[in-house]
Amino acid sequence: MSAEMFANLGTPDMAYIRPIIIASEGGDAEAWGVFSANGQQLGWAPARDLAFAAAMQNELVPVSVH
């Protein structure tokens, strides 16, 4: 399996949820990023459960990244 094929494994069906930092004028804030299997950020949410819900509403299977 090529590196590109491995990176895209699960891309159409899975969303990885992990903590991220959002920079703003008032200071940095923690949020939860929603990412495709190849690492492309699809969105973010202010809470983990909201990130999971957003993934499921878009017919993606959410998984945590530790």
PDB file of N, CA and C in Angstrom:
ATOM      1  N   MET A   1       0.845  -1.167   0.000  1.00  0.00           N
ATOM      2  CA  MET A   1       0.000   0.000   0.000  1.00  0.00           C
ATOM      3  C   MET A   1       0.896   1.238   0.000  1.00  0.00           C
ATOM      4  N   SER A   2       0.600   2.157  -0.897  1.00  0.00           N
ATOM      5  CA  SER A   2       1.407   3.376  -0.974  1.00  0.00           C
ATOM      6  C   SER A   2       1.094   4.287   0.216  1.00  0.00           C
ATOM      7  N   ALA A   3       1.980   5.234   0.467  1.00  0.00           N
ATOM      8  CA  ALA A   3       1.782   6.188   1.559  1.00  0.00           C
ATOM      9  C   ALA A   3       0.510   7.006   1.329  1.00  0.00           C
ATOM     10  N   GLU A   4       0.243   7.384   0.086  1.00  0.00           N
ATOM     11  CA  GLU A   4      -0.969   8.155  -0.226  1.00  0.00           C
ATOM     12  C   GLU A   4      -2.221   7.328   0.020  1.00  0.00           C
ATOM     13  N   MET A   5      -2.210   6.061  -0.386  1.00  0.00           N
ATOM     14  CA  MET A   5      -3.362   5.194  -0.144  1.00  0.00           C
ATOM     15  C   MET A   5      -3.588   5.018   1.360  1.00  0.00           C
ATOM     16  N   PHE A   6      -2.505   4.845   2.110  1.00  0.00           N
ATOM     17  CA  PHE A   6      -2.618   4.685   3.557  1.00  0.00           C
ATOM     18  C   PHE A   6      -3.176   5.955   4.198  1.00  0.00           C
ATOM     19  N   ALA A   7      -2.730   7.123   3.749  1.00  0.00           N
ATOM     20  CA  ALA A   7      -3.189   8.394   4.304  1.00  0.00           C
ATOM     21  C   ALA A   7      -4.670   8.620   4.045  1.00  0.00           C
ATOM     22  N   ASN A   8      -5.172   8.091   2.944  1.00  0.00           N
ATOM     23  CA  ASN A   8      -6.578   8.287   2.588  1.00  0.00           C
ATOM     24  C   ASN A   8      -7.483   7.154   3.056  1.00  0.00           C
ATOM     25  N   LEU A   9      -6.935   6.191   3.758  1.00  0.00           N
ATOM     26  CA  LEU A   9      -7.718   5.064   4.262  1.00  0.00           C
ATOM     27  C   LEU A   9      -8.797   5.579   5.208  1.00  0.00           C
ATOM     28  N   GLY A  10     -10.035   5.324   4.909  1.00  0.00           N
ATOM     29  CA  GLY A  10     -11.145   5.765   5.732  1.00  0.00           C
ATOM     30  C   GLY A  10     -11.621   7.178   5.451  1.00  0.00           C
ATOM     31  N   THR A  11     -11.014   7.868   4.483  1.00  0.00           N
ATOM     32  CA  THR A  11     -11.344   9.269   4.226  1.00  0.00           C
ATOM     33  C   THR A  11     -12.835   9.517   3.995  1.00  0.00           C
ATOM     34  N   PRO A  12     -13.512   8.733   3.183  1.00  0.00           N
ATOM     35  CA  PRO A  12     -14.906   9.103   2.927  1.00  0.00           C
ATOM     36  C   PRO A  12     -15.864   8.799   4.080  1.00  0.00           C
ATOM     37  N   ASP A  13     -15.441   7.984   5.046  1.00  0.00           N
ATOM     38  CA  ASP A  13     -16.372   7.523   6.070  1.00  0.00           C
ATOM     39  C   ASP A  13     -16.039   7.935   7.500  1.00  0.00           C
ATOM     40  N   MET A  14     -14.803   8.273   7.776  1.00  0.00           N
ATOM     41  CA  MET A  14     -14.389   8.523   9.149  1.00  0.00           C
ATOM     42  C   MET A  14     -14.009   9.980   9.372  1.00  0.00           C
ATOM     43  N   ALA A  15     -14.211  10.418  10.614  1.00  0.00           N
ATOM     44  CA  ALA A  15     -13.771  11.743  11.029  1.00  0.00           C
ATOM     45  C   ALA A  15     -13.018  11.582  12.340  1.00  0.00           C
ATOM     46  N   TYR A  16     -11.841  12.148  12.410  1.00  0.00           N
ATOM     47  CA  TYR A  16     -11.025  12.095  13.608  1.00  0.00           C
ATOM     48  C   TYR A  16     -11.257  13.364  14.421  1.00  0.00           C
ATOM     49  N   ILE A  17     -11.509  13.190  15.704  1.00  0.00           N
ATOM     50  CA  ILE A  17     -11.780  14.303  16.598  1.00  0.00           C
ATOM     51  C   ILE A  17     -10.594  14.454  17.544  1.00  0.00           C
ATOM     52  N   ARG A  18     -10.018  15.659  17.587  1.00  0.00           N
ATOM     53  CA  ARG A  18      -8.893  15.880  18.499  1.00  0.00           C
ATOM     54  C   ARG A  18      -8.886  17.323  18.964  1.00  0.00           C
ATOM     55  N   PRO A  19      -8.269  17.569  20.131  1.00  0.00           N
ATOM     56  CA  PRO A  19      -8.209  18.947  20.634  1.00  0.00           C
ATOM     57  C   PRO A  19      -7.318  19.819  19.751  1.00  0.00           C
ATOM     58  N   ILE A  20      -7.724  21.066  19.598  1.00  0.00           N
ATOM     59  CA  ILE A  20      -6.955  22.041  18.832  1.00  0.00           C
ATOM     60  C   ILE A  20      -6.951  23.365  19.588  1.00  0.00           C
ATOM     61  N   ILE A  21      -6.136  24.287  19.154  1.00  0.00           N
ATOM     62  CA  ILE A  21      -6.084  25.645  19.705  1.00  0.00           C
ATOM     63  C   ILE A  21      -6.567  26.605  18.622  1.00  0.00           C
ATOM     64  N   ILE A  22      -7.523  27.436  18.979  1.00  0.00           N
ATOM     65  CA  ILE A  22      -8.038  28.464  18.070  1.00  0.00           C
ATOM     66  C   ILE A  22      -7.459  29.803  18.520  1.00  0.00           C
ATOM     67  N   ALA A  23      -6.751  30.475  17.637  1.00  0.00           N
ATOM     68  CA  ALA A  23      -6.171  31.784  17.966  1.00  0.00           C
ATOM     69  C   ALA A  23      -7.203  32.872  17.710  1.00  0.00           C
ATOM     70  N   SER A  24      -7.324  33.778  18.646  1.00  0.00           N
ATOM     71  CA  SER A  24      -8.240  34.902  18.474  1.00  0.00           C
ATOM     72  C   SER A  24      -7.634  36.150  19.113  1.00  0.00           C
ATOM     73  N   GLU A  25      -8.232  37.289  18.878  1.00  0.00           N
ATOM     74  CA  GLU A  25      -7.725  38.544  19.428  1.00  0.00           C
ATOM     75  C   GLU A  25      -7.764  38.553  20.946  1.00  0.00           C
ATOM     76  N   GLY A  26      -8.747  37.865  21.530  1.00  0.00           N
ATOM     77  CA  GLY A  26      -8.887  37.820  22.976  1.00  0.00           C
ATOM     78  C   GLY A  26      -7.987  36.790  23.637  1.00  0.00           C
ATOM     79  N   GLY A  27      -7.217  36.055  22.855  1.00  0.00           N
ATOM     80  CA  GLY A  27      -6.340  35.015  23.383  1.00  0.00           C
ATOM     81  C   GLY A  27      -6.699  33.661  22.794  1.00  0.00           C
ATOM     82  N   ASP A  28      -5.815  32.734  22.980  1.00  0.00           N
ATOM     83  CA  ASP A  28      -6.031  31.401  22.442  1.00  0.00           C
ATOM     84  C   ASP A  28      -7.124  30.679  23.226  1.00  0.00           C
ATOM     85  N   ALA A  29      -7.876  29.820  22.522  1.00  0.00           N
ATOM     86  CA  ALA A  29      -8.937  29.044  23.151  1.00  0.00           C
ATOM     87  C   ALA A  29      -8.832  27.593  22.701  1.00  0.00           C
ATOM     88  N   GLU A  30      -9.184  26.687  23.579  1.00  0.00           N
ATOM     89  CA  GLU A  30      -9.204  25.275  23.220  1.00  0.00           C
ATOM     90  C   GLU A  30     -10.524  24.948  22.533  1.00  0.00           C
ATOM     91  N   ALA A  31     -10.467  24.087  21.542  1.00  0.00           N
ATOM     92  CA  ALA A  31     -11.646  23.639  20.810  1.00  0.00           C
ATOM     93  C   ALA A  31     -11.395  22.203  20.369  1.00  0.00           C
ATOM     94  N   TRP A  32     -12.327  21.639  19.642  1.00  0.00           N
ATOM     95  CA  TRP A  32     -12.204  20.271  19.143  1.00  0.00           C
ATOM     96  C   TRP A  32     -12.292  20.295  17.626  1.00  0.00           C
ATOM     97  N   GLY A  33     -11.221  19.824  16.973  1.00  0.00           N
ATOM     98  CA  GLY A  33     -11.170  19.797  15.519  1.00  0.00           C
ATOM     99  C   GLY A  33     -11.745  18.508  14.978  1.00  0.00           C
ATOM    100  N   VAL A  34     -12.370  18.613  13.808  1.00  0.00           N
ATOM    101  CA  VAL A  34     -12.895  17.462  13.083  1.00  0.00           C
ATOM    102  C   VAL A  34     -12.051  17.337  11.822  1.00  0.00           C
ATOM    103  N   PHE A  35     -11.384  16.192  11.663  1.00  0.00           N
ATOM    104  CA  PHE A  35     -10.435  15.989  10.576  1.00  0.00           C
ATOM    105  C   PHE A  35     -10.782  14.754   9.759  1.00  0.00           C
ATOM    106  N   SER A  36     -10.511  14.805   8.450  1.00  0.00           N
ATOM    107  CA  SER A  36     -10.650  13.614   7.611  1.00  0.00           C
ATOM    108  C   SER A  36      -9.456  12.700   7.875  1.00  0.00           C
ATOM    109  N   ALA A  37      -9.537  11.505   7.365  1.00  0.00           N
ATOM    110  CA  ALA A  37      -8.468  10.523   7.592  1.00  0.00           C
ATOM    111  C   ALA A  37      -7.128  10.992   7.035  1.00  0.00           C
ATOM    112  N   ASN A  38      -7.140  11.820   5.989  1.00  0.00           N
ATOM    113  CA  ASN A  38      -5.871  12.287   5.415  1.00  0.00           C
ATOM    114  C   ASN A  38      -5.344  13.541   6.095  1.00  0.00           C
ATOM    115  N   GLY A  39      -6.007  13.974   7.188  1.00  0.00           N
ATOM    116  CA  GLY A  39      -5.519  15.104   7.966  1.00  0.00           C
ATOM    117  C   GLY A  39      -6.130  16.443   7.642  1.00  0.00           C
ATOM    118  N   GLN A  40      -6.973  16.519   6.625  1.00  0.00           N
ATOM    119  CA  GLN A  40      -7.608  17.787   6.264  1.00  0.00           C
ATOM    120  C   GLN A  40      -8.639  18.155   7.328  1.00  0.00           C
ATOM    121  N   GLN A  41      -8.549  19.378   7.837  1.00  0.00           N
ATOM    122  CA  GLN A  41      -9.512  19.819   8.840  1.00  0.00           C
ATOM    123  C   GLN A  41     -10.835  20.121   8.153  1.00  0.00           C
ATOM    124  N   LEU A  42     -11.893  19.490   8.665  1.00  0.00           N
ATOM    125  CA  LEU A  42     -13.224  19.673   8.111  1.00  0.00           C
ATOM    126  C   LEU A  42     -14.012  20.734   8.870  1.00  0.00           C
ATOM    127  N   GLY A  43     -13.657  20.931  10.123  1.00  0.00           N
ATOM    128  CA  GLY A  43     -14.365  21.912  10.939  1.00  0.00           C
ATOM    129  C   GLY A  43     -13.880  21.843  12.372  1.00  0.00           C
ATOM    130  N   TRP A  44     -14.593  22.543  13.253  1.00  0.00           N
ATOM    131  CA  TRP A  44     -14.257  22.516  14.667  1.00  0.00           C
ATOM    132  C   TRP A  44     -15.510  22.822  15.470  1.00  0.00           C
ATOM    133  N   ALA A  45     -15.460  22.498  16.745  1.00  0.00           N
ATOM    134  CA  ALA A  45     -16.574  22.763  17.652  1.00  0.00           C
ATOM    135  C   ALA A  45     -16.001  23.170  19.003  1.00  0.00           C
ATOM    136  N   PRO A  46     -16.759  23.928  19.788  1.00  0.00           N
ATOM    137  CA  PRO A  46     -16.250  24.366  21.088  1.00  0.00           C
ATOM    138  C   PRO A  46     -16.238  23.260  22.140  1.00  0.00           C
ATOM    139  N   ALA A  47     -16.957  22.166  21.886  1.00  0.00           N
ATOM    140  CA  ALA A  47     -17.014  21.057  22.844  1.00  0.00           C
ATOM    141  C   ALA A  47     -16.875  19.728  22.110  1.00  0.00           C
ATOM    142  N   ARG A  48     -16.307  18.747  22.807  1.00  0.00           N
ATOM    143  CA  ARG A  48     -16.053  17.427  22.206  1.00  0.00           C
ATOM    144  C   ARG A  48     -17.339  16.780  21.726  1.00  0.00           C
ATOM    145  N   ASP A  49     -18.377  16.795  22.555  1.00  0.00           N
ATOM    146  CA  ASP A  49     -19.627  16.138  22.168  1.00  0.00           C
ATOM    147  C   ASP A  49     -20.259  16.810  20.946  1.00  0.00           C
ATOM    148  N   LEU A  50     -20.072  18.119  20.798  1.00  0.00           N
ATOM    149  CA  LEU A  50     -20.587  18.809  19.615  1.00  0.00           C
ATOM    150  C   LEU A  50     -19.813  18.417  18.361  1.00  0.00           C
ATOM    151  N   ALA A  51     -18.510  18.205  18.496  1.00  0.00           N
ATOM    152  CA  ALA A  51     -17.700  17.758  17.353  1.00  0.00           C
ATOM    153  C   ALA A  51     -18.147  16.369  16.898  1.00  0.00           C
ATOM    154  N   PHE A  52     -18.405  15.473  17.865  1.00  0.00           N
ATOM    155  CA  PHE A  52     -18.891  14.133  17.520  1.00  0.00           C
ATOM    156  C   PHE A  52     -20.257  14.225  16.839  1.00  0.00           C
ATOM    157  N   ALA A  53     -21.147  15.059  17.373  1.00  0.00           N
ATOM    158  CA  ALA A  53     -22.485  15.206  16.798  1.00  0.00           C
ATOM    159  C   ALA A  53     -22.411  15.752  15.374  1.00  0.00           C
ATOM    160  N   ALA A  54     -21.542  16.724  15.145  1.00  0.00           N
ATOM    161  CA  ALA A  54     -21.394  17.299  13.802  1.00  0.00           C
ATOM    162  C   ALA A  54     -20.911  16.247  12.813  1.00  0.00           C
ATOM    163  N   ALA A  55     -19.966  15.418  13.230  1.00  0.00           N
ATOM    164  CA  ALA A  55     -19.477  14.356  12.353  1.00  0.00           C
ATOM    165  C   ALA A  55     -20.607  13.395  11.997  1.00  0.00           C
ATOM    166  N   MET A  56     -21.373  12.980  13.003  1.00  0.00           N
ATOM    167  CA  MET A  56     -22.466  12.039  12.753  1.00  0.00           C
ATOM    168  C   MET A  56     -23.562  12.651  11.888  1.00  0.00           C
ATOM    169  N   GLN A  57     -23.849  13.937  12.062  1.00  0.00           N
ATOM    170  CA  GLN A  57     -24.853  14.601  11.233  1.00  0.00           C
ATOM    171  C   GLN A  57     -24.428  14.656   9.771  1.00  0.00           C
ATOM    172  N   ASN A  58     -23.126  14.584   9.537  1.00  0.00           N
ATOM    173  CA  ASN A  58     -22.605  14.596   8.172  1.00  0.00           C
ATOM    174  C   ASN A  58     -22.259  13.186   7.690  1.00  0.00           C
ATOM    175  N   GLU A  59     -22.866  12.189   8.334  1.00  0.00           N
ATOM    176  CA  GLU A  59     -22.734  10.780   7.953  1.00  0.00           C
ATOM    177  C   GLU A  59     -21.300  10.277   8.002  1.00  0.00           C
ATOM    178  N   LEU A  60     -20.538  10.775   8.984  1.00  0.00           N
ATOM    179  CA  LEU A  60     -19.176  10.317   9.213  1.00  0.00           C
ATOM    180  C   LEU A  60     -19.143   9.548  10.533  1.00  0.00           C
ATOM    181  N   VAL A  61     -18.234   8.605  10.633  1.00  0.00           N
ATOM    182  CA  VAL A  61     -18.049   7.857  11.873  1.00  0.00           C
ATOM    183  C   VAL A  61     -16.949   8.555  12.660  1.00  0.00           C
ATOM    184  N   PRO A  62     -17.289   9.176  13.803  1.00  0.00           N
ATOM    185  CA  PRO A  62     -16.269   9.885  14.566  1.00  0.00           C
ATOM    186  C   PRO A  62     -15.436   8.946  15.442  1.00  0.00           C
ATOM    187  N   VAL A  63     -14.142   9.214  15.497  1.00  0.00           N
ATOM    188  CA  VAL A  63     -13.230   8.479  16.384  1.00  0.00           C
ATOM    189  C   VAL A  63     -12.307   9.485  17.059  1.00  0.00           C
ATOM    190  N   SER A  64     -11.920   9.170  18.289  1.00  0.00           N
ATOM    191  CA  SER A  64     -11.019  10.051  19.035  1.00  0.00           C
ATOM    192  C   SER A  64      -9.579   9.798  18.658  1.00  0.00           C
ATOM    193  N   VAL A  65      -8.807  10.855  18.655  1.00  0.00           N
ATOM    194  CA  VAL A  65      -7.360  10.747  18.493  1.00  0.00           C
ATOM    195  C   VAL A  65      -6.760  11.178  19.815  1.00  0.00           C
ATOM    196  N   HIS A  66      -5.943  10.336  20.389  1.00  0.00           N
ATOM    197  CA  HIS A  66      -5.367  10.627  21.704  1.00  0.00           C
ATOM    198  C   HIS A  66      -4.001  11.207  21.551  1.00  0.00           C
TER     199      HIS A  66
END
